Amino acid sequence: MKRKITADYAIPGRCDDGSYTSSLVRRSTFYTQSALRELLSSRYGAGKSMDELVKLALQDGLPVYEVKREA
């Protein structure tokens, strides 16, 4: 059965060594835009655009991927 994606972003699971890999899709955590904004705002401060928050996360080494939402 194909899983329907209802999220806007994904953060892949971590490897045993603490690194991230995009091949760990099954261990990814999926977020709607509002949920990811809340998560990243708590880390980087409120009042930033989504693009700014994602950029800050990427600079910190937290891989945030935009995913194609299925209707």
C-alpha atoms as a PDB file:
ATOM      1  CA  MET A   1       0.000   0.000   0.000  1.00  0.00           C
ATOM      2  CA  LYS A   2       1.352   3.416  -0.998  1.00  0.00           C
ATOM      3  CA  ARG A   3       1.607   5.950   1.802  1.00  0.00           C
ATOM      4  CA  LYS A   4      -0.053   9.297   1.118  1.00  0.00           C
ATOM      5  CA  ILE A   5       2.139  12.277   1.953  1.00  0.00           C
ATOM      6  CA  THR A   6       0.245  15.038   3.724  1.00  0.00           C
ATOM      7  CA  ALA A   7       3.291  16.971   4.914  1.00  0.00           C
ATOM      8  CA  ASP A   8       5.252  19.871   3.500  1.00  0.00           C
ATOM      9  CA  TYR A   9       8.695  19.115   4.986  1.00  0.00           C
ATOM     10  CA  ALA A  10      10.722  16.154   6.216  1.00  0.00           C
ATOM     11  CA  ILE A  11      13.716  15.734   8.474  1.00  0.00           C
ATOM     12  CA  PRO A  12      15.403  12.366   7.906  1.00  0.00           C
ATOM     13  CA  GLY A  13      16.278  10.031  10.747  1.00  0.00           C
ATOM     14  CA  ARG A  14      19.774  10.027  12.206  1.00  0.00           C
ATOM     15  CA  CYS A  15      22.343   7.318  11.638  1.00  0.00           C
ATOM     16  CA  ASP A  16      23.968   5.591  14.586  1.00  0.00           C
ATOM     17  CA  ASP A  17      26.908   7.994  14.338  1.00  0.00           C
ATOM     18  CA  GLY A  18      24.591  11.017  14.691  1.00  0.00           C
ATOM     19  CA  SER A  19      24.799  12.046  11.047  1.00  0.00           C
ATOM     20  CA  TYR A  20      21.821  12.389   8.750  1.00  0.00           C
ATOM     21  CA  THR A  21      21.224  10.644   5.457  1.00  0.00           C
ATOM     22  CA  SER A  22      18.505  11.225   2.889  1.00  0.00           C
ATOM     23  CA  SER A  23      18.226   7.454   2.329  1.00  0.00           C
ATOM     24  CA  LEU A  24      16.510   7.055   5.697  1.00  0.00           C
ATOM     25  CA  VAL A  25      13.133   8.105   4.319  1.00  0.00           C
ATOM     26  CA  ARG A  26      11.265   5.516   6.366  1.00  0.00           C
ATOM     27  CA  ARG A  27      12.748   7.004   9.525  1.00  0.00           C
ATOM     28  CA  SER A  28      11.977  10.582   8.510  1.00  0.00           C
ATOM     29  CA  THR A  29       9.749  12.804  10.560  1.00  0.00           C
ATOM     30  CA  PHE A  30       7.247  14.668   8.398  1.00  0.00           C
ATOM     31  CA  TYR A  31       5.902  18.122   9.261  1.00  0.00           C
ATOM     32  CA  THR A  32       3.253  20.481   7.971  1.00  0.00           C
ATOM     33  CA  GLN A  33       4.537  23.990   7.383  1.00  0.00           C
ATOM     34  CA  SER A  34       2.914  25.302  10.571  1.00  0.00           C
ATOM     35  CA  ALA A  35       4.337  22.467  12.711  1.00  0.00           C
ATOM     36  CA  LEU A  36       7.850  22.944  11.321  1.00  0.00           C
ATOM     37  CA  ARG A  37       7.584  26.728  11.791  1.00  0.00           C
ATOM     38  CA  GLU A  38       6.683  26.156  15.448  1.00  0.00           C
ATOM     39  CA  LEU A  39       9.589  23.723  15.923  1.00  0.00           C
ATOM     40  CA  LEU A  40      12.168  25.962  14.246  1.00  0.00           C
ATOM     41  CA  SER A  41      10.831  29.170  15.839  1.00  0.00           C
ATOM     42  CA  SER A  42      11.338  27.636  19.265  1.00  0.00           C
ATOM     43  CA  ARG A  43      14.966  27.045  18.315  1.00  0.00           C
ATOM     44  CA  TYR A  44      15.791  30.179  16.290  1.00  0.00           C
ATOM     45  CA  GLY A  45      13.289  32.756  17.533  1.00  0.00           C
ATOM     46  CA  ALA A  46       9.911  33.993  16.376  1.00  0.00           C
ATOM     47  CA  GLY A  47       9.292  36.595  13.697  1.00  0.00           C
ATOM     48  CA  LYS A  48      11.374  34.961  10.973  1.00  0.00           C
ATOM     49  CA  SER A  49      10.075  33.831   7.588  1.00  0.00           C
ATOM     50  CA  MET A  50       9.891  30.129   6.801  1.00  0.00           C
ATOM     51  CA  ASP A  51      12.763  30.532   4.331  1.00  0.00           C
ATOM     52  CA  GLU A  52      14.923  32.135   7.032  1.00  0.00           C
ATOM     53  CA  LEU A  53      14.109  29.368   9.522  1.00  0.00           C
ATOM     54  CA  VAL A  54      14.934  26.601   7.041  1.00  0.00           C
ATOM     55  CA  LYS A  55      18.171  28.370   6.093  1.00  0.00           C
ATOM     56  CA  LEU A  56      19.192  28.595   9.762  1.00  0.00           C
ATOM     57  CA  ALA A  57      18.416  24.904  10.273  1.00  0.00           C
ATOM     58  CA  LEU A  58      20.510  23.956   7.245  1.00  0.00           C
ATOM     59  CA  GLN A  59      23.396  26.120   8.494  1.00  0.00           C
ATOM     60  CA  ASP A  60      23.212  24.195  11.794  1.00  0.00           C
ATOM     61  CA  GLY A  61      23.451  20.907   9.914  1.00  0.00           C
ATOM     62  CA  LEU A  62      19.794  19.970  10.377  1.00  0.00           C
ATOM     63  CA  PRO A  63      18.654  18.695   6.976  1.00  0.00           C
ATOM     64  CA  VAL A  64      15.166  19.969   6.227  1.00  0.00           C
ATOM     65  CA  TYR A  65      13.699  18.771   2.944  1.00  0.00           C
ATOM     66  CA  GLU A  66      10.660  20.171   1.219  1.00  0.00           C
ATOM     67  CA  VAL A  67       8.441  17.306   0.101  1.00  0.00           C
ATOM     68  CA  LYS A  68       5.789  17.152  -2.569  1.00  0.00           C
ATOM     69  CA  ARG A  69       2.427  17.023  -0.853  1.00  0.00           C
ATOM     70  CA  GLU A  70      -0.117  14.692  -2.420  1.00  0.00           C
ATOM     71  CA  ALA A  71      -3.634  16.000  -2.748  1.00  0.00           C
END
